[in-house]
Amino acid sequence: MYTVKEALALLGCLPRQSLGFYPTPLHRLDRLSDKLGVNLFIKRDDFSGISLFGGNKVRKLEYLLGQAKAEGCHSVITFGATQSNHAMQTAAAARRCGLEPILYLVDLVDTREARANLLLDSLYGAEIHIVPAPDGEEAAEARARQLADARQRQLEKEGRRVALIPMGGASPLGTAGFIGGWLELSDQCLQLDTTPDYVFQATGTGSTLAGMVAGKAMTGGQTQLVAVQVSPKDEGYAARITRLANEALALIGARAAATEQLFTLDADHWAPGYEQPNEQSNEAIRLLARTEGLLADPVYTGKALAGMLSWIESGRVSQGSTVVFLHTGGATALFSEGQIIGSLGSFDPQEAME
């Protein structure tokens, strides 16, 4: 096992572009703790920077764009849905690094105007390509990759080097960013003289989870890491998370091994699908807002909150346990299309008029 200091020294071998404001805050949610009967903390990666709209992708982009800068790239291409947090944060980070952002965005919600993250992408001056999805998300993602490959070849013929970043930053290098995230959380808990019994987070493309798993493999401990899925996954998902964690460990030369036993997947709260809300998630968002004045989103953190609350209310998390919720950002989704926010947008100003 490694100490936090030893593990951070291994991470230091990678090129890194400073983008975020770290450490992000870790603080106790006093009112919600009292209501739920647990000792609940929140890790605020929504405060990571580089703009007002931070999130978990910034940790990954520090390494992904660090490598792109080291290789002399001029442009960066990445992927997501039209309201992708990853795409928006990549556009912001690319501008900070002097790179041209190019985005291929799958349209799952029949986008008619620039809202939320798509509006921000436009403000950052990203080259935006919206890919329709009449035959489903998977086929549209394949088309997006084909279009991106063609654009990359075109740019390289013009003498411009391009960095290609996978959806969600899900690569061993991007995953390394959340080895750092786990180590930062571990150090903060040590300073607070507390040890979490559970850490809850959302998981989508999986590299945030893989980085947390890799960090846990390096430092050990009994903390149970629970990842709440925000979309359906096949039976090989846990194995891919483990493989990605081990690839990140190998990248930094760590003598540690990730296994599927280091984390638990919660597959009970993603329905009806990605970027599709459910009422349990929206109730969790309302609860956090009305007890602590904090915002979560219906795509990621709301579903993770719903999963955490279910574990606590059902007794899977014992009363008195210490729990950390990893807030990965994404509150811009609250200002997106009605298909994404669902009942959160049901307020009628006319009914409130006196």
Protein backbone atom coordinates (compact mmCIF):
# COMPACT_ATOMS: atom_id res chain seq x y z
CA MET A 1 0.00 0.00 0.00
CA TYR A 2 0.99 3.62 -0.58
CA THR A 3 0.71 6.69 1.58
CA VAL A 4 -1.04 9.66 0.00
CA LYS A 5 2.32 11.40 -0.39
CA GLU A 6 3.90 8.38 -2.09
CA ALA A 7 0.95 7.97 -4.47
CA LEU A 8 0.98 11.64 -5.40
CA ALA A 9 4.68 11.36 -6.24
CA LEU A 10 3.86 8.68 -8.82
CA LEU A 11 1.18 10.89 -10.39
CA GLY A 12 3.79 13.62 -10.71
CA CYS A 13 5.47 11.72 -13.56
CA LEU A 14 2.66 12.69 -15.96
CA PRO A 15 2.41 15.94 -17.96
CA ARG A 16 -0.20 18.15 -16.35
CA GLN A 17 -1.83 21.45 -17.21
CA SER A 18 -3.09 23.34 -14.15
CA LEU A 19 -6.79 24.04 -14.73
CA GLY A 20 -8.75 23.50 -11.52
CA PHE A 21 -8.89 24.95 -8.03
CA TYR A 22 -7.81 22.19 -5.67
CA PRO A 23 -8.44 20.85 -3.17
CA THR A 24 -12.18 21.18 -3.73
CA PRO A 25 -14.16 21.65 -0.50
CA LEU A 26 -15.28 18.77 1.68
CA HIS A 27 -17.90 19.79 4.21
CA ARG A 28 -20.62 18.28 6.37
CA LEU A 29 -24.29 18.61 5.43
CA ASP A 30 -25.62 19.29 8.92
CA ARG A 31 -29.36 19.50 8.24
CA LEU A 32 -29.46 16.51 5.92
CA SER A 33 -27.27 14.51 8.32
CA ASP A 34 -29.77 15.15 11.10
CA LYS A 35 -32.69 14.21 8.88
CA LEU A 36 -31.14 10.96 7.64
CA GLY A 37 -29.36 9.83 10.81
CA VAL A 38 -25.93 9.56 9.19
CA ASN A 39 -22.79 11.70 9.23
CA LEU A 40 -23.04 13.03 5.67
CA PHE A 41 -20.29 14.98 3.90
CA ILE A 42 -20.22 16.34 0.36
CA LYS A 43 -17.09 16.56 -1.81
CA ARG A 44 -17.57 19.60 -4.03
CA ASP A 45 -15.99 18.77 -7.37
CA ASP A 46 -18.62 21.07 -8.85
CA PHE A 47 -16.28 23.78 -7.50
CA SER A 48 -13.28 22.53 -9.48
CA GLY A 49 -13.22 25.43 -11.99
CA ILE A 50 -11.96 26.60 -14.43
CA SER A 51 -15.17 28.56 -14.92
CA LEU A 52 -18.29 28.97 -12.80
CA PHE A 53 -19.46 25.63 -14.20
CA GLY A 54 -16.85 23.19 -12.91
CA GLY A 55 -17.15 19.45 -12.47
CA ASN A 56 -15.34 16.16 -12.37
CA LYS A 57 -14.01 16.37 -15.93
CA VAL A 58 -11.53 19.11 -15.01
CA ARG A 59 -9.32 16.66 -13.08
CA LYS A 60 -9.10 14.45 -16.17
CA LEU A 61 -8.52 17.36 -18.54
CA GLU A 62 -5.51 18.53 -16.56
CA TYR A 63 -3.72 15.37 -17.72
CA LEU A 64 -5.38 14.96 -21.12
CA LEU A 65 -4.63 18.53 -22.17
CA GLY A 66 -1.26 18.42 -20.44
CA GLN A 67 -0.31 15.65 -22.85
CA ALA A 68 -1.86 17.51 -25.79
CA LYS A 69 0.21 20.59 -25.00
CA ALA A 70 3.36 18.50 -24.55
CA GLU A 71 2.77 16.99 -28.00
CA GLY A 72 2.33 20.39 -29.64
CA CYS A 73 -1.33 19.99 -30.55
CA HIS A 74 -3.34 22.85 -32.01
CA SER A 75 -6.86 21.43 -31.69
CA VAL A 76 -8.76 18.97 -29.51
CA ILE A 77 -11.71 16.83 -30.61
CA THR A 78 -14.11 15.20 -28.20
CA PHE A 79 -17.60 13.72 -28.00
CA GLY A 80 -20.78 13.71 -25.94
CA ALA A 81 -24.48 14.44 -26.02
CA THR A 82 -25.71 17.96 -26.81
CA GLN A 83 -25.82 18.74 -23.06
CA SER A 84 -22.54 16.99 -22.27
CA ASN A 85 -20.70 18.31 -19.22
CA HIS A 86 -17.51 16.74 -20.55
CA ALA A 87 -17.79 18.52 -23.91
CA MET A 88 -18.48 21.88 -22.27
CA GLN A 89 -15.62 21.54 -19.78
CA THR A 90 -13.30 20.42 -22.59
CA ALA A 91 -14.21 23.52 -24.62
CA ALA A 92 -13.48 25.78 -21.63
CA ALA A 93 -10.22 24.02 -20.77
CA ALA A 94 -9.06 24.00 -24.38
CA ARG A 95 -9.51 27.77 -24.59
CA ARG A 96 -7.54 28.18 -21.35
CA CYS A 97 -4.73 26.17 -22.96
CA GLY A 98 -4.80 28.01 -26.29
CA LEU A 99 -6.28 25.04 -28.18
CA GLU A 100 -9.20 25.00 -30.62
CA PRO A 101 -12.12 22.87 -29.31
CA ILE A 102 -14.07 20.71 -31.77
CA LEU A 103 -17.17 18.92 -30.47
CA TYR A 104 -19.24 16.09 -31.97
CA LEU A 105 -22.51 16.02 -30.03
CA VAL A 106 -25.21 13.36 -30.33
CA ASP A 107 -28.70 14.88 -30.22
CA LEU A 108 -30.83 12.75 -27.90
CA VAL A 109 -33.44 15.41 -27.08
CA ASP A 110 -34.31 16.99 -30.45
CA THR A 111 -32.36 20.19 -29.79
CA ARG A 112 -34.06 23.33 -31.17
CA GLU A 113 -32.02 26.10 -29.54
CA ALA A 114 -28.81 26.68 -27.60
CA ARG A 115 -29.45 26.13 -23.90
CA ALA A 116 -27.31 25.31 -20.87
CA ASN A 117 -24.09 23.49 -21.86
CA LEU A 118 -24.73 23.88 -25.58
CA LEU A 119 -25.03 27.63 -25.08
CA LEU A 120 -21.72 27.63 -23.20
CA ASP A 121 -20.07 25.59 -25.97
CA SER A 122 -21.13 28.30 -28.40
CA LEU A 123 -19.84 31.08 -26.12
CA TYR A 124 -16.46 29.34 -25.98
CA GLY A 125 -16.39 29.42 -29.77
CA ALA A 126 -16.19 25.67 -30.14
CA GLU A 127 -16.57 24.13 -33.58
CA ILE A 128 -19.85 22.27 -32.96
CA HIS A 129 -21.17 19.34 -34.97
CA ILE A 130 -24.59 18.04 -33.90
CA VAL A 131 -25.20 14.43 -34.91
CA PRO A 132 -28.88 13.34 -35.12
CA ALA A 133 -29.82 10.01 -33.53
CA PRO A 134 -32.86 8.72 -35.47
CA ASP A 135 -31.63 5.13 -35.22
CA GLY A 136 -30.44 5.26 -31.62
CA GLU A 137 -27.59 6.52 -29.48
CA GLU A 138 -25.08 3.81 -30.34
CA ALA A 139 -25.38 4.29 -34.10
CA ALA A 140 -25.14 8.07 -33.72
CA GLU A 141 -22.00 7.76 -31.61
CA ALA A 142 -20.43 5.58 -34.31
CA ARG A 143 -21.26 8.24 -36.93
CA ALA A 144 -19.78 10.93 -34.70
CA ARG A 145 -16.49 9.01 -34.49
CA GLN A 146 -16.41 8.60 -38.28
CA LEU A 147 -17.01 12.31 -38.82
CA ALA A 148 -14.37 13.18 -36.23
CA ASP A 149 -11.82 10.89 -37.87
CA ALA A 150 -12.42 12.62 -41.21
CA ARG A 151 -12.08 16.07 -39.60
CA GLN A 152 -8.86 15.03 -37.88
CA ARG A 153 -7.36 13.82 -41.17
CA GLN A 154 -8.34 17.09 -42.84
CA LEU A 155 -6.74 19.20 -40.12
CA GLU A 156 -3.57 17.13 -40.10
CA LYS A 157 -3.24 17.57 -43.86
CA GLU A 158 -3.28 21.31 -43.12
CA GLY A 159 -0.39 20.83 -40.71
CA ARG A 160 -2.46 21.11 -37.52
CA ARG A 161 -1.90 18.45 -34.88
CA VAL A 162 -5.07 17.17 -33.17
CA ALA A 163 -5.65 15.52 -29.79
CA LEU A 164 -8.56 13.08 -29.78
CA ILE A 165 -10.22 12.72 -26.37
CA PRO A 166 -12.75 9.91 -25.87
CA MET A 167 -16.21 10.53 -24.48
CA GLY A 168 -16.02 11.42 -20.80
CA GLY A 169 -12.23 11.45 -20.92
CA ALA A 170 -12.42 7.68 -20.45
CA SER A 171 -8.79 6.74 -21.06
CA PRO A 172 -6.00 5.60 -18.71
CA LEU A 173 -4.57 9.13 -18.75
CA GLY A 174 -7.91 10.75 -17.95
CA THR A 175 -8.55 8.14 -15.28
CA ALA A 176 -5.32 9.15 -13.55
CA GLY A 177 -6.97 12.46 -12.72
CA PHE A 178 -9.29 10.70 -10.32
CA ILE A 179 -6.52 8.75 -8.69
CA GLY A 180 -5.66 12.26 -7.59
CA GLY A 181 -9.30 12.82 -6.63
CA TRP A 182 -9.30 9.80 -4.32
CA LEU A 183 -5.99 10.83 -2.77
CA GLU A 184 -7.24 14.37 -2.18
CA LEU A 185 -10.39 13.08 -0.48
CA SER A 186 -8.34 10.67 1.64
CA ASP A 187 -6.07 13.47 2.80
CA GLN A 188 -9.02 15.73 3.67
CA CYS A 189 -10.67 12.97 5.68
CA LEU A 190 -7.39 12.40 7.52
CA GLN A 191 -7.24 16.08 8.40
CA LEU A 192 -10.82 15.91 9.70
CA ASP A 193 -9.94 12.77 11.69
CA THR A 194 -12.72 10.84 10.01
CA THR A 195 -12.90 7.70 7.87
CA PRO A 196 -15.85 7.33 5.47
CA ASP A 197 -17.78 4.11 5.68
CA TYR A 198 -19.21 4.85 2.21
CA VAL A 199 -18.45 7.07 -0.77
CA PHE A 200 -21.30 7.50 -3.28
CA GLN A 201 -20.91 8.84 -6.81
CA ALA A 202 -22.55 8.77 -10.22
CA THR A 203 -21.02 6.72 -13.03
CA GLY A 204 -21.48 7.05 -16.77
CA THR A 205 -18.56 6.43 -19.13
CA GLY A 206 -16.71 5.16 -16.06
CA SER A 207 -13.32 6.85 -15.85
CA THR A 208 -14.14 8.85 -12.72
CA LEU A 209 -15.10 5.60 -11.02
CA ALA A 210 -12.04 3.82 -12.41
CA GLY A 211 -9.77 6.52 -11.01
CA MET A 212 -11.40 6.28 -7.59
CA VAL A 213 -11.03 2.49 -7.69
CA ALA A 214 -7.36 2.80 -8.67
CA GLY A 215 -6.75 5.25 -5.83
CA LYS A 216 -8.45 2.92 -3.37
CA ALA A 217 -6.30 0.05 -4.63
CA MET A 218 -3.20 2.12 -3.85
CA THR A 219 -4.17 3.26 -0.37
CA GLY A 220 -6.34 0.41 0.94
CA GLY A 221 -8.93 0.88 3.67
CA GLN A 222 -12.45 -0.35 4.36
CA THR A 223 -14.43 2.49 2.72
CA GLN A 224 -17.16 1.06 0.48
CA LEU A 225 -17.24 2.79 -2.90
CA VAL A 226 -20.75 2.80 -4.41
CA ALA A 227 -21.29 3.99 -7.99
CA VAL A 228 -24.84 4.72 -9.13
CA GLN A 229 -25.34 4.16 -12.84
CA VAL A 230 -26.89 6.99 -14.85
CA SER A 231 -27.57 4.79 -17.87
CA PRO A 232 -27.95 1.08 -18.61
CA LYS A 233 -24.75 -0.98 -18.72
CA ASP A 234 -23.99 -4.44 -20.03
CA GLU A 235 -22.56 -7.29 -17.97
CA GLY A 236 -19.00 -6.37 -18.93
CA TYR A 237 -19.13 -2.85 -17.44
CA ALA A 238 -17.56 -3.73 -14.08
CA ALA A 239 -14.75 -5.60 -15.83
CA ARG A 240 -14.08 -2.58 -18.10
CA ILE A 241 -13.95 -0.28 -15.07
CA THR A 242 -11.43 -2.61 -13.42
CA ARG A 243 -9.32 -2.85 -16.58
CA LEU A 244 -9.29 0.95 -16.98
CA ALA A 245 -8.25 1.33 -13.33
CA ASN A 246 -5.39 -1.13 -13.82
CA GLU A 247 -4.27 0.60 -17.01
CA ALA A 248 -4.10 3.89 -15.11
CA LEU A 249 -2.11 2.23 -12.31
CA ALA A 250 0.31 0.81 -14.89
CA LEU A 251 0.62 4.23 -16.52
CA ILE A 252 2.03 5.75 -13.32
CA GLY A 253 4.05 2.67 -12.38
CA ALA A 254 2.02 1.82 -9.28
CA ARG A 255 2.48 -1.62 -7.70
CA ALA A 256 -1.20 -2.14 -6.95
CA ALA A 257 -4.06 -4.08 -8.51
CA ALA A 258 -7.69 -3.05 -8.88
CA THR A 259 -10.40 -5.70 -8.62
CA GLU A 260 -14.17 -5.72 -8.98
CA GLN A 261 -14.42 -6.28 -5.22
CA LEU A 262 -13.25 -2.70 -4.59
CA PHE A 263 -16.54 -1.13 -5.72
CA THR A 264 -20.27 -1.75 -5.91
CA LEU A 265 -22.52 -0.79 -8.83
CA ASP A 266 -26.09 0.38 -8.18
CA ALA A 267 -28.16 -0.25 -11.32
CA ASP A 268 -31.55 0.63 -9.77
CA HIS A 269 -31.80 4.36 -10.41
CA TRP A 270 -30.91 5.11 -14.05
CA ALA A 271 -34.30 4.41 -15.68
CA PRO A 272 -35.79 5.29 -18.06
CA GLY A 273 -32.44 6.20 -19.64
CA TYR A 274 -29.56 8.60 -20.07
CA GLU A 275 -30.66 12.27 -20.04
CA GLN A 276 -34.13 11.02 -19.07
CA PRO A 277 -35.34 12.02 -15.60
CA ASN A 278 -37.19 9.96 -13.04
CA GLU A 279 -39.27 11.19 -10.13
CA GLN A 280 -37.10 9.57 -7.46
CA SER A 281 -34.12 11.51 -8.77
CA ASN A 282 -36.06 14.75 -8.96
CA GLU A 283 -37.29 14.30 -5.38
CA ALA A 284 -33.68 13.82 -4.27
CA ILE A 285 -32.75 17.07 -6.05
CA ARG A 286 -35.56 18.89 -4.27
CA LEU A 287 -34.52 17.43 -0.91
CA LEU A 288 -30.92 18.62 -1.25
CA ALA A 289 -32.07 22.06 -2.41
CA ARG A 290 -34.61 22.46 0.41
CA THR A 291 -32.43 21.19 3.26
CA GLU A 292 -28.99 22.52 2.28
CA GLY A 293 -29.57 25.07 -0.50
CA LEU A 294 -27.40 23.02 -2.86
CA LEU A 295 -28.14 22.04 -6.45
CA ALA A 296 -27.80 18.67 -8.13
CA ASP A 297 -28.76 17.78 -11.71
CA PRO A 298 -31.22 15.28 -13.21
CA VAL A 299 -28.68 13.51 -15.44
CA TYR A 300 -25.91 12.53 -13.01
CA THR A 301 -25.86 13.76 -9.44
CA GLY A 302 -29.63 13.57 -8.94
CA LYS A 303 -29.65 9.87 -9.76
CA ALA A 304 -26.61 9.28 -7.55
CA LEU A 305 -28.35 11.13 -4.71
CA ALA A 306 -31.45 9.00 -5.19
CA GLY A 307 -29.31 5.88 -4.97
CA MET A 308 -27.58 7.08 -1.81
CA LEU A 309 -30.88 7.99 -0.15
CA SER A 310 -32.30 4.58 -1.02
CA TRP A 311 -29.34 2.85 0.59
CA ILE A 312 -29.72 4.94 3.75
CA GLU A 313 -33.50 4.72 4.02
CA SER A 314 -33.52 0.95 3.40
CA GLY A 315 -30.88 0.34 6.08
CA ARG A 316 -28.15 -0.83 3.69
CA VAL A 317 -26.21 2.09 5.17
CA SER A 318 -26.45 1.76 8.95
CA GLN A 319 -27.56 4.68 11.08
CA GLY A 320 -24.58 6.65 12.38
CA SER A 321 -22.39 5.76 9.39
CA THR A 322 -20.06 8.34 7.85
CA VAL A 323 -20.95 8.90 4.21
CA VAL A 324 -19.35 11.07 1.52
CA PHE A 325 -21.25 12.13 -1.58
CA LEU A 326 -19.04 13.08 -4.53
CA HIS A 327 -20.69 16.02 -6.30
CA THR A 328 -19.43 15.81 -9.87
CA GLY A 329 -21.11 18.99 -11.15
CA GLY A 330 -23.63 19.28 -13.96
CA ALA A 331 -26.15 21.74 -12.49
CA THR A 332 -26.30 23.47 -15.89
CA ALA A 333 -28.68 20.64 -16.87
CA LEU A 334 -31.31 22.36 -14.70
CA PHE A 335 -31.52 24.97 -17.48
CA SER A 336 -31.71 22.52 -20.38
CA GLU A 337 -34.54 20.98 -22.37
CA GLY A 338 -37.80 19.89 -20.74
CA GLN A 339 -37.11 16.26 -21.67
CA ILE A 340 -34.10 16.36 -19.33
CA ILE A 341 -35.53 18.20 -16.32
CA GLY A 342 -38.94 16.52 -16.27
CA SER A 343 -41.15 17.55 -13.34
CA LEU A 344 -38.52 19.98 -12.04
CA GLY A 345 -39.84 22.39 -14.66
CA SER A 346 -43.49 22.12 -13.63
CA PHE A 347 -43.70 25.51 -11.87
CA ASP A 348 -46.26 27.78 -13.53
CA PRO A 349 -45.56 31.50 -12.92
CA GLN A 350 -49.16 32.36 -13.86
CA GLU A 351 -50.51 30.22 -11.03
CA ALA A 352 -48.27 32.05 -8.56
CA MET A 353 -49.48 35.51 -9.60
CA GLU A 354 -51.55 37.37 -6.98
